[in-house]
């Protein structure tokens, strides 16, 4: 399901999408920092504050250290955000995860649990980069008519793949989720809510407009929890390490969709776009 999700993302990408970053490098760069600096530190702080076991702490930090989820693009559309910017941000955090997720896990967790950083990096290349390149190659090389017929279905395939990943993650760790208790639920909910609040507030203080701030809030709050679950499954021996990703898969969707629905009914005021595209 995750490979299908990444191929569907690749199908929607062209080299032009990467050139678009030049139009708004500050927004993309700040959101990238929020994804890979702010969120891992929030996850680490929450886990230690609530006395999480080493395995649960490792799982929390893994959730904080992974890329933004594709479902953020849909939530950004509902929230009247900048969908094109959302897609570019999701793409760049997804590519960034190849290097930064294993690096962050090694730096933040190396003294807590054994971390196979090289294994995580290789898995990320196989699961993320290769399927995206396959999708982009198909977009560039396949007959235009075939690509245009498939493109409208790509977001639907992405959403359905996400649903399958969430259901699978929760089903596999149901007993461990119940056993972990309310403290884990609170940590995961707080991670996504704090990420969304700061993801909106930081760019707002820096002078970005409302549309961009909404986009960055959703991008920061929503993580690719299914990918985190798979990495935990492949590279952390203890089953408990997978539990935060499984819980996150649910609460991330709730937090992102709630923000989207609220902002859907809050108009963007004209004249507020100080640093907007």
Protein backbone atom coordinates (compact mmCIF):
# COMPACT_ATOMS: atom_id res chain seq x y z
CA UNK A 1 0.00 0.00 0.00
CA UNK A 2 2.82 2.42 0.82
CA UNK A 3 4.60 1.76 -2.48
CA UNK A 4 1.30 2.37 -4.28
CA UNK A 5 0.94 5.66 -2.40
CA UNK A 6 4.42 6.78 -3.46
CA UNK A 7 3.88 5.78 -7.10
CA UNK A 8 0.63 7.76 -7.13
CA UNK A 9 2.53 10.78 -5.78
CA UNK A 10 5.20 10.36 -8.44
CA UNK A 11 2.55 10.26 -11.16
CA UNK A 12 1.46 13.78 -10.20
CA UNK A 13 5.00 15.23 -10.24
CA UNK A 14 6.99 16.86 -13.03
CA UNK A 15 10.35 18.67 -13.02
CA UNK A 16 8.35 21.90 -13.00
CA UNK A 17 7.16 21.11 -9.45
CA UNK A 18 10.76 21.24 -8.25
CA UNK A 19 11.36 24.54 -10.03
CA UNK A 20 8.33 25.94 -8.22
CA UNK A 21 10.29 25.83 -4.97
CA UNK A 22 12.34 28.76 -6.27
CA UNK A 23 9.17 30.87 -6.21
CA UNK A 24 8.68 30.41 -2.48
CA UNK A 25 11.92 29.01 -1.02
CA UNK A 26 11.40 30.59 2.41
CA UNK A 27 8.06 28.84 3.02
CA UNK A 28 9.36 25.47 1.82
CA UNK A 29 12.56 25.82 3.87
CA UNK A 30 10.78 26.83 7.08
CA UNK A 31 8.26 24.02 6.77
CA UNK A 32 11.10 21.58 6.11
CA UNK A 33 12.73 22.75 9.36
CA UNK A 34 9.44 22.38 11.22
CA UNK A 35 9.11 18.83 9.93
CA UNK A 36 12.64 17.70 10.78
CA UNK A 37 13.65 19.91 13.72
CA UNK A 38 10.50 21.06 15.51
CA UNK A 39 8.46 17.84 15.39
CA UNK A 40 11.22 15.41 16.47
CA UNK A 41 12.05 17.64 19.46
CA UNK A 42 8.37 17.91 20.44
CA UNK A 43 8.06 14.11 20.25
CA UNK A 44 11.21 13.60 22.34
CA UNK A 45 10.09 16.15 24.94
CA UNK A 46 6.59 14.68 25.26
CA UNK A 47 7.88 11.13 25.56
CA UNK A 48 10.38 11.99 28.29
CA UNK A 49 7.92 14.24 30.14
CA UNK A 50 5.40 11.40 30.44
CA UNK A 51 7.97 8.76 31.35
CA UNK A 52 7.58 6.70 28.19
CA UNK A 53 9.44 3.41 28.05
CA UNK A 54 12.48 3.35 25.72
CA UNK A 55 10.46 1.47 23.08
CA UNK A 56 7.51 3.87 23.17
CA UNK A 57 9.90 6.85 23.20
CA UNK A 58 11.66 5.45 20.13
CA UNK A 59 8.32 5.09 18.36
CA UNK A 60 7.30 8.65 19.24
CA UNK A 61 10.56 10.11 17.96
CA UNK A 62 10.23 8.04 14.80
CA UNK A 63 6.78 9.56 14.18
CA UNK A 64 8.21 13.04 14.71
CA UNK A 65 11.13 12.36 12.37
CA UNK A 66 9.29 11.14 9.27
CA UNK A 67 8.00 13.07 6.29
CA UNK A 68 4.68 14.81 5.81
CA UNK A 69 1.74 12.67 4.70
CA UNK A 70 0.05 12.89 1.31
CA UNK A 71 -3.34 13.29 2.98
CA UNK A 72 -2.18 16.80 3.93
CA UNK A 73 -2.72 17.87 0.32
CA UNK A 74 -6.43 17.02 0.51
CA UNK A 75 -6.79 18.72 3.91
CA UNK A 76 -5.03 21.82 2.56
CA UNK A 77 -7.54 21.98 -0.29
CA UNK A 78 -10.48 21.78 2.13
CA UNK A 79 -8.87 24.43 4.40
CA UNK A 80 -8.53 26.91 1.51
CA UNK A 81 -4.75 26.66 1.66
CA UNK A 82 -2.21 26.66 -1.16
CA UNK A 83 -2.52 23.17 -2.65
CA UNK A 84 0.39 23.55 -5.10
CA UNK A 85 2.66 24.66 -2.26
CA UNK A 86 1.39 21.77 -0.13
CA UNK A 87 2.32 19.27 -2.84
CA UNK A 88 5.81 20.76 -3.17
CA UNK A 89 6.29 20.69 0.63
CA UNK A 90 5.12 17.08 0.88
CA UNK A 91 7.45 16.12 -1.97
CA UNK A 92 10.50 17.75 -0.43
CA UNK A 93 9.93 16.37 3.06
CA UNK A 94 9.42 12.94 1.47
CA UNK A 95 12.76 13.20 -0.32
CA UNK A 96 14.37 14.62 2.82
CA UNK A 97 13.33 11.59 4.83
CA UNK A 98 15.90 9.47 2.97
CA UNK A 99 18.74 11.17 4.85
CA UNK A 100 17.15 12.90 7.82
CA UNK A 101 14.96 10.17 9.33
CA UNK A 102 17.84 7.72 9.90
CA UNK A 103 20.11 10.58 11.00
CA UNK A 104 17.59 11.92 13.54
CA UNK A 105 16.84 8.44 14.88
CA UNK A 106 20.55 7.78 15.37
CA UNK A 107 21.21 11.16 17.04
CA UNK A 108 18.11 11.27 19.24
CA UNK A 109 17.72 7.57 20.02
CA UNK A 110 21.21 6.11 19.77
CA UNK A 111 21.59 6.13 23.54
CA UNK A 112 18.03 4.85 24.15
CA UNK A 113 17.59 1.87 21.83
CA UNK A 114 19.77 0.26 19.13
CA UNK A 115 19.26 2.10 15.82
CA UNK A 116 20.24 0.67 12.44
CA UNK A 117 20.58 4.00 10.62
CA UNK A 118 21.93 2.44 7.42
CA UNK A 119 19.07 -0.06 7.30
CA UNK A 120 16.51 2.72 7.77
CA UNK A 121 18.16 4.74 4.99
CA UNK A 122 18.16 1.78 2.56
CA UNK A 123 14.53 0.97 3.35
CA UNK A 124 13.60 4.62 2.77
CA UNK A 125 15.24 4.59 -0.65
CA UNK A 126 13.40 1.39 -1.59
CA UNK A 127 10.02 2.43 -0.19
CA UNK A 128 10.02 6.13 -1.04
CA UNK A 129 12.52 7.17 -3.69
CA UNK A 130 12.22 4.25 -6.11
CA UNK A 131 8.38 4.28 -6.34
CA UNK A 132 8.36 8.08 -6.74
CA UNK A 133 10.89 7.82 -9.57
CA UNK A 134 8.79 5.07 -11.18
CA UNK A 135 5.73 7.32 -11.02
CA UNK A 136 7.62 10.34 -12.40
CA UNK A 137 9.12 8.23 -15.20
CA UNK A 138 5.68 6.95 -16.14
CA UNK A 139 4.39 10.53 -16.16
CA UNK A 140 7.22 11.64 -18.45
CA UNK A 141 7.49 8.65 -20.78
CA UNK A 142 4.01 7.13 -21.06
CA UNK A 143 1.62 8.32 -23.77
CA UNK A 144 0.01 11.60 -22.69
CA UNK A 145 -3.49 10.23 -23.12
CA UNK A 146 -2.82 7.34 -20.78
CA UNK A 147 -1.27 9.62 -18.17
CA UNK A 148 -4.18 12.07 -18.35
CA UNK A 149 -6.61 9.19 -17.88
CA UNK A 150 -4.79 7.95 -14.77
CA UNK A 151 -3.95 11.28 -13.10
CA UNK A 152 -7.45 12.02 -11.73
CA UNK A 153 -7.39 8.69 -9.92
CA UNK A 154 -3.93 9.21 -8.35
CA UNK A 155 -5.16 11.20 -5.31
CA UNK A 156 -7.96 8.67 -4.73
CA UNK A 157 -5.44 5.81 -4.86
CA UNK A 158 -3.29 7.74 -2.40
CA UNK A 159 -6.16 8.24 0.06
CA UNK A 160 -7.29 4.60 -0.21
CA UNK A 161 -3.71 3.43 0.36
CA UNK A 162 -3.55 5.62 3.46
CA UNK A 163 -6.80 4.12 4.79
CA UNK A 164 -5.45 0.59 4.28
CA UNK A 165 -2.20 1.46 6.06
CA UNK A 166 -4.03 3.00 9.02
CA UNK A 167 -6.36 0.01 9.38
CA UNK A 168 -3.50 -2.47 9.11
CA UNK A 169 -1.31 -0.63 11.65
CA UNK A 170 -4.08 -0.41 14.25
CA UNK A 171 -5.17 -4.03 13.75
CA UNK A 172 -1.63 -5.38 14.19
CA UNK A 173 -1.03 -3.54 17.48
CA UNK A 174 -4.52 -3.47 19.01
CA UNK A 175 -3.56 -5.18 22.28
CA UNK A 176 -0.39 -3.10 22.68
CA UNK A 177 -2.34 0.14 22.06
CA UNK A 178 -4.81 -0.77 24.82
CA UNK A 179 -1.98 -1.76 27.14
CA UNK A 180 -0.07 1.48 26.59
CA UNK A 181 -2.90 3.44 28.23
CA UNK A 182 -4.00 7.06 28.05
CA UNK A 183 -0.53 8.58 28.40
CA UNK A 184 0.45 7.38 24.93
CA UNK A 185 -2.81 8.65 23.44
CA UNK A 186 -2.20 12.05 25.04
CA UNK A 187 1.41 12.22 23.81
CA UNK A 188 0.43 11.44 20.25
CA UNK A 189 -2.56 13.83 20.24
CA UNK A 190 -0.39 16.55 21.75
CA UNK A 191 2.33 15.98 19.14
CA UNK A 192 -0.05 16.62 16.26
CA UNK A 193 -1.92 19.50 17.92
CA UNK A 194 1.23 21.31 19.08
CA UNK A 195 2.75 20.74 15.65
CA UNK A 196 -0.30 22.28 13.99
CA UNK A 197 -0.40 25.27 16.36
CA UNK A 198 3.31 26.04 16.03
CA UNK A 199 3.22 25.18 12.33
CA UNK A 200 0.70 28.01 11.95
CA UNK A 201 2.08 30.40 14.57
CA UNK A 202 5.75 30.44 13.55
CA UNK A 203 5.18 31.43 9.91
CA UNK A 204 2.49 33.88 11.04
CA UNK A 205 5.03 35.63 13.28
CA UNK A 206 7.48 35.66 10.38
CA UNK A 207 5.00 37.55 8.23
CA UNK A 208 3.59 34.87 5.97
CA UNK A 209 0.03 35.25 4.76
CA UNK A 210 -2.98 33.33 5.97
CA UNK A 211 -3.12 30.88 3.05
CA UNK A 212 0.51 29.86 3.45
CA UNK A 213 0.20 29.63 7.24
CA UNK A 214 -2.75 27.26 6.94
CA UNK A 215 -0.80 25.15 4.47
CA UNK A 216 2.27 24.99 6.72
CA UNK A 217 0.20 24.15 9.81
CA UNK A 218 -1.41 21.15 8.11
CA UNK A 219 1.88 20.03 6.56
CA UNK A 220 3.62 20.17 9.95
CA UNK A 221 0.84 18.44 11.88
CA UNK A 222 0.21 15.58 9.46
CA UNK A 223 2.89 12.90 9.23
CA UNK A 224 3.28 9.78 7.13
CA UNK A 225 2.47 7.50 10.07
CA UNK A 226 2.12 4.41 7.88
CA UNK A 227 5.71 4.86 6.76
CA UNK A 228 6.79 5.24 10.38
CA UNK A 229 5.00 1.99 11.24
CA UNK A 230 6.77 0.15 8.43
CA UNK A 231 10.20 1.46 9.48
CA UNK A 232 9.50 0.42 13.08
CA UNK A 233 8.41 -3.00 11.86
CA UNK A 234 11.56 -3.47 9.78
CA UNK A 235 14.25 -1.99 11.99
CA UNK A 236 13.13 -1.98 15.64
CA UNK A 237 12.79 -5.47 17.14
CA UNK A 238 10.32 -4.62 19.91
CA UNK A 239 6.65 -4.58 18.86
CA UNK A 240 5.97 -1.63 21.19
CA UNK A 241 8.04 0.65 18.92
CA UNK A 242 5.31 0.35 16.28
CA UNK A 243 2.51 1.42 18.62
CA UNK A 244 3.02 5.24 18.45
CA UNK A 245 2.89 5.13 14.65
CA UNK A 246 -0.34 3.11 14.74
CA UNK A 247 -1.92 5.56 17.20
CA UNK A 248 -0.57 8.51 15.20
CA UNK A 249 -2.16 7.19 12.02
CA UNK A 250 -5.56 7.76 13.63
CA UNK A 251 -4.98 11.02 15.53
CA UNK A 252 -3.02 12.62 12.70
CA UNK A 253 -6.02 12.13 10.43
CA UNK A 254 -8.35 13.54 13.08
CA UNK A 255 -6.15 16.60 13.76
CA UNK A 256 -5.60 17.40 10.09
CA UNK A 257 -9.21 16.96 9.03
CA UNK A 258 -10.44 19.00 12.02
CA UNK A 259 -8.17 21.90 11.07
CA UNK A 260 -9.35 21.61 7.48
CA UNK A 261 -13.05 21.67 8.36
CA UNK A 262 -12.66 24.61 10.76
CA UNK A 263 -10.71 26.68 8.23
CA UNK A 264 -13.15 25.78 5.48
CA UNK A 265 -15.65 28.11 7.17
CA UNK A 266 -13.14 30.83 8.08
CA UNK A 267 -12.59 33.14 5.10
CA UNK A 268 -9.09 34.26 4.13
CA UNK A 269 -9.03 38.02 4.54
CA UNK A 270 -7.80 40.00 1.56
CA UNK A 271 -4.65 41.97 2.13
CA UNK A 272 -3.25 39.54 4.69
CA UNK A 273 -0.82 37.87 2.30
CA UNK A 274 2.43 39.58 3.26
CA UNK A 275 4.81 36.91 1.98
CA UNK A 276 2.38 34.90 -0.11
CA UNK A 277 3.12 33.64 -3.60
